[in-house]
Amino acid sequence: MGRPLWFVAGAGVGVYAAARARRAAESLTADGLRDRLRGWQAGARLFADEVHQGRTERETELREQLGLRPHGAPELTTPSASHSTAPSTAPSTEMKDLH
């Protein structure tokens, strides 16, 4: 029973090693490197989105705790008397051609 067991174990290790070697060889081709780069880019993009979402959530929590206005909401201000929207009645400084 010892020899068949070692034969099956050796065959299994050989198949596994051949599969790993094939994967390694494919990953070093131009298509394999391109796929790996795209995977890293997708992972980096997902990571950046998660960081942005977490930062936004934390900022919202802090603003609520500190009683600040929501981010991006305009502040309401009262218009001052010097900023009137009525048309001016002052004479025009434009020079008219008298000829």
PDB file of N, CA and C in Angstrom:
ATOM      1  N   MET A   1       0.810  -1.191   0.000  1.00  0.00           N
ATOM      2  CA  MET A   1       0.000   0.000   0.000  1.00  0.00           C
ATOM      3  C   MET A   1       0.855   1.257   0.000  1.00  0.00           C
ATOM      4  N   GLY A   2       2.111   1.171   0.312  1.00  0.00           N
ATOM      5  CA  GLY A   2       2.978   2.325   0.391  1.00  0.00           C
ATOM      6  C   GLY A   2       3.338   2.914  -0.965  1.00  0.00           C
ATOM      7  N   ARG A   3       3.652   2.046  -1.943  1.00  0.00           N
ATOM      8  CA  ARG A   3       4.057   2.560  -3.259  1.00  0.00           C
ATOM      9  C   ARG A   3       2.921   3.269  -3.996  1.00  0.00           C
ATOM     10  N   PRO A   4       1.714   2.739  -4.053  1.00  0.00           N
ATOM     11  CA  PRO A   4       0.639   3.463  -4.756  1.00  0.00           C
ATOM     12  C   PRO A   4       0.320   4.815  -4.101  1.00  0.00           C
ATOM     13  N   LEU A   5       0.403   4.869  -2.781  1.00  0.00           N
ATOM     14  CA  LEU A   5       0.137   6.126  -2.075  1.00  0.00           C
ATOM     15  C   LEU A   5       1.168   7.186  -2.473  1.00  0.00           C
ATOM     16  N   TRP A   6       2.450   6.821  -2.485  1.00  0.00           N
ATOM     17  CA  TRP A   6       3.489   7.771  -2.864  1.00  0.00           C
ATOM     18  C   TRP A   6       3.388   8.159  -4.337  1.00  0.00           C
ATOM     19  N   PHE A   7       2.954   7.210  -5.182  1.00  0.00           N
ATOM     20  CA  PHE A   7       2.776   7.520  -6.597  1.00  0.00           C
ATOM     21  C   PHE A   7       1.673   8.559  -6.777  1.00  0.00           C
ATOM     22  N   VAL A   8       0.546   8.386  -6.106  1.00  0.00           N
ATOM     23  CA  VAL A   8      -0.580   9.339  -6.205  1.00  0.00           C
ATOM     24  C   VAL A   8      -0.167  10.691  -5.622  1.00  0.00           C
ATOM     25  N   ALA A   9       0.544  10.670  -4.500  1.00  0.00           N
ATOM     26  CA  ALA A   9       0.999  11.931  -3.893  1.00  0.00           C
ATOM     27  C   ALA A   9       1.959  12.656  -4.831  1.00  0.00           C
ATOM     28  N   GLY A  10       2.882  11.950  -5.434  1.00  0.00           N
ATOM     29  CA  GLY A  10       3.833  12.557  -6.365  1.00  0.00           C
ATOM     30  C   GLY A  10       3.137  13.096  -7.606  1.00  0.00           C
ATOM     31  N   ALA A  11       2.163  12.338  -8.127  1.00  0.00           N
ATOM     32  CA  ALA A  11       1.414  12.807  -9.298  1.00  0.00           C
ATOM     33  C   ALA A  11       0.627  14.071  -8.955  1.00  0.00           C
ATOM     34  N   GLY A  12       0.037  14.106  -7.784  1.00  0.00           N
ATOM     35  CA  GLY A  12      -0.724  15.292  -7.347  1.00  0.00           C
ATOM     36  C   GLY A  12       0.171  16.514  -7.224  1.00  0.00           C
ATOM     37  N   VAL A  13       1.334  16.339  -6.631  1.00  0.00           N
ATOM     38  CA  VAL A  13       2.287  17.447  -6.494  1.00  0.00           C
ATOM     39  C   VAL A  13       2.764  17.901  -7.866  1.00  0.00           C
ATOM     40  N   GLY A  14       2.988  16.970  -8.770  1.00  0.00           N
ATOM     41  CA  GLY A  14       3.415  17.328 -10.123  1.00  0.00           C
ATOM     42  C   GLY A  14       2.363  18.119 -10.874  1.00  0.00           C
ATOM     43  N   VAL A  15       1.098  17.713 -10.761  1.00  0.00           N
ATOM     44  CA  VAL A  15       0.003  18.445 -11.418  1.00  0.00           C
ATOM     45  C   VAL A  15      -0.118  19.845 -10.825  1.00  0.00           C
ATOM     46  N   TYR A  16      -0.034  19.915  -9.498  1.00  0.00           N
ATOM     47  CA  TYR A  16      -0.128  21.223  -8.835  1.00  0.00           C
ATOM     48  C   TYR A  16       1.019  22.141  -9.259  1.00  0.00           C
ATOM     49  N   ALA A  17       2.229  21.613  -9.302  1.00  0.00           N
ATOM     50  CA  ALA A  17       3.395  22.413  -9.694  1.00  0.00           C
ATOM     51  C   ALA A  17       3.285  22.855 -11.150  1.00  0.00           C
ATOM     52  N   ALA A  18       2.795  21.979 -12.014  1.00  0.00           N
ATOM     53  CA  ALA A  18       2.634  22.349 -13.422  1.00  0.00           C
ATOM     54  C   ALA A  18       1.588  23.461 -13.588  1.00  0.00           C
ATOM     55  N   ALA A  19       0.499  23.371 -12.827  1.00  0.00           N
ATOM     56  CA  ALA A  19      -0.544  24.408 -12.897  1.00  0.00           C
ATOM     57  C   ALA A  19      -0.004  25.742 -12.396  1.00  0.00           C
ATOM     58  N   ARG A  20       0.742  25.710 -11.297  1.00  0.00           N
ATOM     59  CA  ARG A  20       1.334  26.949 -10.760  1.00  0.00           C
ATOM     60  C   ARG A  20       2.336  27.553 -11.740  1.00  0.00           C
ATOM     61  N   ALA A  21       3.144  26.705 -12.373  1.00  0.00           N
ATOM     62  CA  ALA A  21       4.128  27.199 -13.339  1.00  0.00           C
ATOM     63  C   ALA A  21       3.420  27.815 -14.550  1.00  0.00           C
ATOM     64  N   ARG A  22       2.330  27.206 -14.999  1.00  0.00           N
ATOM     65  CA  ARG A  22       1.579  27.754 -16.133  1.00  0.00           C
ATOM     66  C   ARG A  22       0.984  29.114 -15.769  1.00  0.00           C
ATOM     67  N   ARG A  23       0.426  29.221 -14.573  1.00  0.00           N
ATOM     68  CA  ARG A  23      -0.136  30.516 -14.128  1.00  0.00           C
ATOM     69  C   ARG A  23       0.955  31.587 -14.035  1.00  0.00           C
ATOM     70  N   ALA A  24       2.105  31.219 -13.510  1.00  0.00           N
ATOM     71  CA  ALA A  24       3.213  32.184 -13.393  1.00  0.00           C
ATOM     72  C   ALA A  24       3.669  32.630 -14.774  1.00  0.00           C
ATOM     73  N   ALA A  25       3.760  31.689 -15.719  1.00  0.00           N
ATOM     74  CA  ALA A  25       4.181  32.038 -17.076  1.00  0.00           C
ATOM     75  C   ALA A  25       3.147  32.941 -17.749  1.00  0.00           C
ATOM     76  N   GLU A  26       1.853  32.663 -17.537  1.00  0.00           N
ATOM     77  CA  GLU A  26       0.802  33.506 -18.129  1.00  0.00           C
ATOM     78  C   GLU A  26       0.798  34.905 -17.520  1.00  0.00           C
ATOM     79  N   SER A  27       1.113  34.996 -16.240  1.00  0.00           N
ATOM     80  CA  SER A  27       1.084  36.312 -15.597  1.00  0.00           C
ATOM     81  C   SER A  27       2.244  37.198 -16.047  1.00  0.00           C
ATOM     82  N   LEU A  28       3.279  36.601 -16.619  1.00  0.00           N
ATOM     83  CA  LEU A  28       4.416  37.385 -17.090  1.00  0.00           C
ATOM     84  C   LEU A  28       4.310  37.765 -18.562  1.00  0.00           C
ATOM     85  N   THR A  29       3.221  37.386 -19.230  1.00  0.00           N
ATOM     86  CA  THR A  29       3.009  37.809 -20.612  1.00  0.00           C
ATOM     87  C   THR A  29       2.445  39.218 -20.607  1.00  0.00           C
ATOM     88  N   ALA A  30       2.372  39.843 -21.767  1.00  0.00           N
ATOM     89  CA  ALA A  30       1.842  41.210 -21.862  1.00  0.00           C
ATOM     90  C   ALA A  30       0.386  41.264 -21.399  1.00  0.00           C
ATOM     91  N   ASP A  31      -0.414  40.300 -21.824  1.00  0.00           N
ATOM     92  CA  ASP A  31      -1.817  40.277 -21.401  1.00  0.00           C
ATOM     93  C   ASP A  31      -1.939  40.038 -19.900  1.00  0.00           C
ATOM     94  N   GLY A  32      -1.098  39.160 -19.375  1.00  0.00           N
ATOM     95  CA  GLY A  32      -1.137  38.886 -17.943  1.00  0.00           C
ATOM     96  C   GLY A  32      -0.749  40.102 -17.119  1.00  0.00           C
ATOM     97  N   LEU A  33       0.287  40.803 -17.549  1.00  0.00           N
ATOM     98  CA  LEU A  33       0.702  42.017 -16.835  1.00  0.00           C
ATOM     99  C   LEU A  33      -0.360  43.100 -16.936  1.00  0.00           C
ATOM    100  N   ARG A  34      -0.990  43.225 -18.114  1.00  0.00           N
ATOM    101  CA  ARG A  34      -2.056  44.214 -18.306  1.00  0.00           C
ATOM    102  C   ARG A  34      -3.240  43.901 -17.388  1.00  0.00           C
ATOM    103  N   ASP A  35      -3.609  42.629 -17.302  1.00  0.00           N
ATOM    104  CA  ASP A  35      -4.711  42.236 -16.415  1.00  0.00           C
ATOM    105  C   ASP A  35      -4.377  42.516 -14.957  1.00  0.00           C
ATOM    106  N   ARG A  36      -3.145  42.218 -14.578  1.00  0.00           N
ATOM    107  CA  ARG A  36      -2.734  42.470 -13.199  1.00  0.00           C
ATOM    108  C   ARG A  36      -2.752  43.975 -12.886  1.00  0.00           C
ATOM    109  N   LEU A  37      -2.287  44.793 -13.832  1.00  0.00           N
ATOM    110  CA  LEU A  37      -2.305  46.240 -13.638  1.00  0.00           C
ATOM    111  C   LEU A  37      -3.730  46.762 -13.517  1.00  0.00           C
ATOM    112  N   ARG A  38      -4.623  46.262 -14.365  1.00  0.00           N
ATOM    113  CA  ARG A  38      -6.037  46.679 -14.276  1.00  0.00           C
ATOM    114  C   ARG A  38      -6.651  46.268 -12.944  1.00  0.00           C
ATOM    115  N   GLY A  39      -6.268  45.113 -12.452  1.00  0.00           N
ATOM    116  CA  GLY A  39      -6.755  44.680 -11.145  1.00  0.00           C
ATOM    117  C   GLY A  39      -6.287  45.598 -10.035  1.00  0.00           C
ATOM    118  N   TRP A  40      -5.012  45.976 -10.092  1.00  0.00           N
ATOM    119  CA  TRP A  40      -4.488  46.908  -9.089  1.00  0.00           C
ATOM    120  C   TRP A  40      -5.173  48.269  -9.187  1.00  0.00           C
ATOM    121  N   GLN A  41      -5.429  48.738 -10.416  1.00  0.00           N
ATOM    122  CA  GLN A  41      -6.112  50.016 -10.591  1.00  0.00           C
ATOM    123  C   GLN A  41      -7.524  49.965 -10.033  1.00  0.00           C
ATOM    124  N   ALA A  42      -8.220  48.880 -10.290  1.00  0.00           N
ATOM    125  CA  ALA A  42      -9.579  48.737  -9.764  1.00  0.00           C
ATOM    126  C   ALA A  42      -9.550  48.695  -8.237  1.00  0.00           C
ATOM    127  N   GLY A  43      -8.591  47.984  -7.675  1.00  0.00           N
ATOM    128  CA  GLY A  43      -8.465  47.931  -6.225  1.00  0.00           C
ATOM    129  C   GLY A  43      -8.145  49.291  -5.625  1.00  0.00           C
ATOM    130  N   ALA A  44      -7.261  50.025  -6.274  1.00  0.00           N
ATOM    131  CA  ALA A  44      -6.912  51.365  -5.784  1.00  0.00           C
ATOM    132  C   ALA A  44      -8.108  52.305  -5.872  1.00  0.00           C
ATOM    133  N   ARG A  45      -8.875  52.187  -6.950  1.00  0.00           N
ATOM    134  CA  ARG A  45     -10.060  53.033  -7.112  1.00  0.00           C
ATOM    135  C   ARG A  45     -11.102  52.718  -6.032  1.00  0.00           C
ATOM    136  N   LEU A  46     -11.314  51.432  -5.761  1.00  0.00           N
ATOM    137  CA  LEU A  46     -12.250  51.044  -4.701  1.00  0.00           C
ATOM    138  C   LEU A  46     -11.770  51.524  -3.336  1.00  0.00           C
ATOM    139  N   PHE A  47     -10.471  51.406  -3.091  1.00  0.00           N
ATOM    140  CA  PHE A  47      -9.911  51.874  -1.828  1.00  0.00           C
ATOM    141  C   PHE A  47     -10.102  53.379  -1.673  1.00  0.00           C
ATOM    142  N   ALA A  48      -9.833  54.131  -2.746  1.00  0.00           N
ATOM    143  CA  ALA A  48      -9.997  55.587  -2.691  1.00  0.00           C
ATOM    144  C   ALA A  48     -11.456  55.962  -2.449  1.00  0.00           C
ATOM    145  N   ASP A  49     -12.379  55.241  -3.074  1.00  0.00           N
ATOM    146  CA  ASP A  49     -13.803  55.509  -2.845  1.00  0.00           C
ATOM    147  C   ASP A  49     -14.197  55.239  -1.402  1.00  0.00           C
ATOM    148  N   GLU A  50     -13.683  54.155  -0.837  1.00  0.00           N
ATOM    149  CA  GLU A  50     -13.978  53.830   0.559  1.00  0.00           C
ATOM    150  C   GLU A  50     -13.411  54.896   1.501  1.00  0.00           C
ATOM    151  N   VAL A  51     -12.201  55.347   1.233  1.00  0.00           N
ATOM    152  CA  VAL A  51     -11.591  56.386   2.068  1.00  0.00           C
ATOM    153  C   VAL A  51     -12.400  57.672   1.976  1.00  0.00           C
ATOM    154  N   HIS A  52     -12.814  58.039   0.766  1.00  0.00           N
ATOM    155  CA  HIS A  52     -13.600  59.257   0.576  1.00  0.00           C
ATOM    156  C   HIS A  52     -14.939  59.152   1.312  1.00  0.00           C
ATOM    157  N   GLN A  53     -15.591  58.001   1.208  1.00  0.00           N
ATOM    158  CA  GLN A  53     -16.866  57.809   1.883  1.00  0.00           C
ATOM    159  C   GLN A  53     -16.692  57.884   3.403  1.00  0.00           C
ATOM    160  N   GLY A  54     -15.659  57.243   3.922  1.00  0.00           N
ATOM    161  CA  GLY A  54     -15.405  57.286   5.355  1.00  0.00           C
ATOM    162  C   GLY A  54     -15.086  58.689   5.840  1.00  0.00           C
ATOM    163  N   ARG A  55     -14.308  59.429   5.052  1.00  0.00           N
ATOM    164  CA  ARG A  55     -13.969  60.806   5.419  1.00  0.00           C
ATOM    165  C   ARG A  55     -15.221  61.674   5.438  1.00  0.00           C
ATOM    166  N   THR A  56     -16.102  61.487   4.454  1.00  0.00           N
ATOM    167  CA  THR A  56     -17.331  62.273   4.386  1.00  0.00           C
ATOM    168  C   THR A  56     -18.242  61.957   5.567  1.00  0.00           C
ATOM    169  N   GLU A  57     -18.365  60.664   5.896  1.00  0.00           N
ATOM    170  CA  GLU A  57     -19.199  60.283   7.036  1.00  0.00           C
ATOM    171  C   GLU A  57     -18.646  60.859   8.334  1.00  0.00           C
ATOM    172  N   ARG A  58     -17.346  60.792   8.516  1.00  0.00           N
ATOM    173  CA  ARG A  58     -16.743  61.309   9.746  1.00  0.00           C
ATOM    174  C   ARG A  58     -16.889  62.824   9.827  1.00  0.00           C
ATOM    175  N   GLU A  59     -16.733  63.506   8.689  1.00  0.00           N
ATOM    176  CA  GLU A  59     -16.894  64.960   8.685  1.00  0.00           C
ATOM    177  C   GLU A  59     -18.321  65.328   9.071  1.00  0.00           C
ATOM    178  N   THR A  60     -19.289  64.582   8.565  1.00  0.00           N
ATOM    179  CA  THR A  60     -20.691  64.838   8.900  1.00  0.00           C
ATOM    180  C   THR A  60     -20.924  64.623  10.385  1.00  0.00           C
ATOM    181  N   GLU A  61     -20.362  63.542  10.934  1.00  0.00           N
ATOM    182  CA  GLU A  61     -20.496  63.288  12.370  1.00  0.00           C
ATOM    183  C   GLU A  61     -19.901  64.429  13.192  1.00  0.00           C
ATOM    184  N   LEU A  62     -18.715  64.870  12.818  1.00  0.00           N
ATOM    185  CA  LEU A  62     -18.072  65.950  13.565  1.00  0.00           C
ATOM    186  C   LEU A  62     -18.865  67.249  13.461  1.00  0.00           C
ATOM    187  N   ARG A  63     -19.378  67.554  12.287  1.00  0.00           N
ATOM    188  CA  ARG A  63     -20.169  68.772  12.127  1.00  0.00           C
ATOM    189  C   ARG A  63     -21.426  68.716  12.989  1.00  0.00           C
ATOM    190  N   GLU A  64     -22.066  67.543  13.071  1.00  0.00           N
ATOM    191  CA  GLU A  64     -23.250  67.406  13.913  1.00  0.00           C
ATOM    192  C   GLU A  64     -22.886  67.550  15.382  1.00  0.00           C
ATOM    193  N   GLN A  65     -21.768  66.963  15.805  1.00  0.00           N
ATOM    194  CA  GLN A  65     -21.341  67.053  17.199  1.00  0.00           C
ATOM    195  C   GLN A  65     -20.991  68.484  17.588  1.00  0.00           C
ATOM    196  N   LEU A  66     -20.388  69.223  16.660  1.00  0.00           N
ATOM    197  CA  LEU A  66     -19.957  70.586  16.968  1.00  0.00           C
ATOM    198  C   LEU A  66     -21.023  71.622  16.654  1.00  0.00           C
ATOM    199  N   GLY A  67     -22.132  71.210  16.070  1.00  0.00           N
ATOM    200  CA  GLY A  67     -23.220  72.135  15.768  1.00  0.00           C
ATOM    201  C   GLY A  67     -22.922  73.064  14.611  1.00  0.00           C
ATOM    202  N   LEU A  68     -22.111  72.630  13.681  1.00  0.00           N
ATOM    203  CA  LEU A  68     -21.787  73.444  12.515  1.00  0.00           C
ATOM    204  C   LEU A  68     -22.810  73.199  11.417  1.00  0.00           C
ATOM    205  N   ARG A  69     -22.855  74.118  10.457  1.00  0.00           N
ATOM    206  CA  ARG A  69     -23.779  73.948   9.342  1.00  0.00           C
ATOM    207  C   ARG A  69     -23.316  72.782   8.480  1.00  0.00           C
ATOM    208  N   PRO A  70     -24.235  72.141   7.786  1.00  0.00           N
ATOM    209  CA  PRO A  70     -23.842  71.024   6.914  1.00  0.00           C
ATOM    210  C   PRO A  70     -22.877  71.477   5.841  1.00  0.00           C
ATOM    211  N   HIS A  71     -21.996  70.583   5.444  1.00  0.00           N
ATOM    212  CA  HIS A  71     -21.001  70.886   4.418  1.00  0.00           C
ATOM    213  C   HIS A  71     -21.689  71.168   3.099  1.00  0.00           C
ATOM    214  N   GLY A  72     -21.348  72.275   2.467  1.00  0.00           N
ATOM    215  CA  GLY A  72     -21.903  72.621   1.169  1.00  0.00           C
ATOM    216  C   GLY A  72     -23.170  73.444   1.250  1.00  0.00           C
ATOM    217  N   ALA A  73     -23.763  73.587   2.434  1.00  0.00           N
ATOM    218  CA  ALA A  73     -24.987  74.379   2.553  1.00  0.00           C
ATOM    219  C   ALA A  73     -24.611  75.853   2.633  1.00  0.00           C
ATOM    220  N   PRO A  74     -25.309  76.695   1.899  1.00  0.00           N
ATOM    221  CA  PRO A  74     -24.971  78.122   1.929  1.00  0.00           C
ATOM    222  C   PRO A  74     -25.365  78.748   3.261  1.00  0.00           C
ATOM    223  N   GLU A  75     -24.538  79.681   3.695  1.00  0.00           N
ATOM    224  CA  GLU A  75     -24.860  80.412   4.916  1.00  0.00           C
ATOM    225  C   GLU A  75     -25.857  81.501   4.580  1.00  0.00           C
ATOM    226  N   LEU A  76     -26.827  81.693   5.453  1.00  0.00           N
ATOM    227  CA  LEU A  76     -27.802  82.752   5.247  1.00  0.00           C
ATOM    228  C   LEU A  76     -27.264  84.034   5.856  1.00  0.00           C
ATOM    229  N   THR A  77     -27.252  85.080   5.083  1.00  0.00           N
ATOM    230  CA  THR A  77     -26.806  86.375   5.575  1.00  0.00           C
ATOM    231  C   THR A  77     -27.882  87.390   5.280  1.00  0.00           C
ATOM    232  N   THR A  78     -27.944  88.409   6.092  1.00  0.00           N
ATOM    233  CA  THR A  78     -28.925  89.461   5.853  1.00  0.00           C
ATOM    234  C   THR A  78     -28.291  90.505   4.957  1.00  0.00           C
ATOM    235  N   PRO A  79     -29.021  90.973   3.951  1.00  0.00           N
ATOM    236  CA  PRO A  79     -28.447  91.994   3.072  1.00  0.00           C
ATOM    237  C   PRO A  79     -28.296  93.308   3.833  1.00  0.00           C
ATOM    238  N   SER A  80     -27.184  93.988   3.612  1.00  0.00           N
ATOM    239  CA  SER A  80     -26.947  95.268   4.286  1.00  0.00           C
ATOM    240  C   SER A  80     -27.602  96.385   3.478  1.00  0.00           C
ATOM    241  N   ALA A  81     -27.765  97.543   4.098  1.00  0.00           N
ATOM    242  CA  ALA A  81     -28.432  98.671   3.456  1.00  0.00           C
ATOM    243  C   ALA A  81     -27.603  99.228   2.310  1.00  0.00           C
ATOM    244  N   SER A  82     -26.304  99.045   2.320  1.00  0.00           N
ATOM    245  CA  SER A  82     -25.460  99.616   1.277  1.00  0.00           C
ATOM    246  C   SER A  82     -25.543  98.823  -0.020  1.00  0.00           C
ATOM    247  N   HIS A  83     -26.066  97.590   0.008  1.00  0.00           N
ATOM    248  CA  HIS A  83     -26.175  96.766  -1.176  1.00  0.00           C
ATOM    249  C   HIS A  83     -27.617  96.779  -1.678  1.00  0.00           C
ATOM    250  N   SER A  84     -28.013  97.835  -2.324  1.00  0.00           N
ATOM    251  CA  SER A  84     -29.365  97.960  -2.829  1.00  0.00           C
ATOM    252  C   SER A  84     -29.433  97.446  -4.253  1.00  0.00           C
ATOM    253  N   THR A  85     -30.566  96.835  -4.610  1.00  0.00           N
ATOM    254  CA  THR A  85     -30.730  96.330  -5.966  1.00  0.00           C
ATOM    255  C   THR A  85     -31.539  97.291  -6.824  1.00  0.00           C
ATOM    256  N   ALA A  86     -31.922  98.442  -6.281  1.00  0.00           N
ATOM    257  CA  ALA A  86     -32.695  99.422  -7.046  1.00  0.00           C
ATOM    258  C   ALA A  86     -31.793 100.109  -8.060  1.00  0.00           C
ATOM    259  N   PRO A  87     -32.359 100.489  -9.228  1.00  0.00           N
ATOM    260  CA  PRO A  87     -31.534 101.160 -10.235  1.00  0.00           C
ATOM    261  C   PRO A  87     -31.077 102.524  -9.751  1.00  0.00           C
ATOM    262  N   SER A  88     -29.935 102.903 -10.192  1.00  0.00           N
ATOM    263  CA  SER A  88     -29.347 104.171  -9.775  1.00  0.00           C
ATOM    264  C   SER A  88     -30.009 105.324 -10.534  1.00  0.00           C
ATOM    265  N   THR A  89     -30.251 106.436  -9.845  1.00  0.00           N
ATOM    266  CA  THR A  89     -30.838 107.619 -10.482  1.00  0.00           C
ATOM    267  C   THR A  89     -29.796 108.690 -10.691  1.00  0.00           C
ATOM    268  N   ALA A  90     -28.543 108.379 -10.462  1.00  0.00           N
ATOM    269  CA  ALA A  90     -27.470 109.351 -10.643  1.00  0.00           C
ATOM    270  C   ALA A  90     -27.296 109.606 -12.137  1.00  0.00           C
ATOM    271  N   PRO A  91     -26.879 110.831 -12.504  1.00  0.00           N
ATOM    272  CA  PRO A  91     -26.681 111.133 -13.916  1.00  0.00           C
ATOM    273  C   PRO A  91     -25.555 110.306 -14.501  1.00  0.00           C
ATOM    274  N   SER A  92     -25.701 110.002 -15.741  1.00  0.00           N
ATOM    275  CA  SER A  92     -24.722 109.190 -16.427  1.00  0.00           C
ATOM    276  C   SER A  92     -23.460 109.997 -16.676  1.00  0.00           C
ATOM    277  N   THR A  93     -22.321 109.339 -16.590  1.00  0.00           N
ATOM    278  CA  THR A  93     -21.046 110.014 -16.834  1.00  0.00           C
ATOM    279  C   THR A  93     -20.608 109.823 -18.273  1.00  0.00           C
ATOM    280  N   GLU A  94     -21.495 109.312 -19.081  1.00  0.00           N
ATOM    281  CA  GLU A  94     -21.202 109.047 -20.476  1.00  0.00           C
ATOM    282  C   GLU A  94     -21.127 110.360 -21.259  1.00  0.00           C
ATOM    283  N   MET A  95     -20.168 110.500 -22.123  1.00  0.00           N
ATOM    284  CA  MET A  95     -20.022 111.715 -22.947  1.00  0.00           C
ATOM    285  C   MET A  95     -20.869 111.547 -24.194  1.00  0.00           C
ATOM    286  N   LYS A  96     -21.702 112.513 -24.466  1.00  0.00           N
ATOM    287  CA  LYS A  96     -22.540 112.440 -25.660  1.00  0.00           C
ATOM    288  C   LYS A  96     -21.914 113.278 -26.756  1.00  0.00           C
ATOM    289  N   ASP A  97     -22.045 112.808 -27.967  1.00  0.00           N
ATOM    290  CA  ASP A  97     -21.524 113.517 -29.124  1.00  0.00           C
ATOM    291  C   ASP A  97     -22.491 114.649 -29.478  1.00  0.00           C
ATOM    292  N   LEU A  98     -22.004 115.866 -29.417  1.00  0.00           N
ATOM    293  CA  LEU A  98     -22.853 117.040 -29.667  1.00  0.00           C
ATOM    294  C   LEU A  98     -22.800 117.504 -31.112  1.00  0.00           C
ATOM    295  N   HIS A  99     -22.087 116.902 -31.952  1.00  0.00           N
ATOM    296  CA  HIS A  99     -21.971 117.324 -33.356  1.00  0.00           C
ATOM    297  C   HIS A  99     -23.139 116.907 -34.159  1.00  0.00           C
TER     298      HIS A  99
END
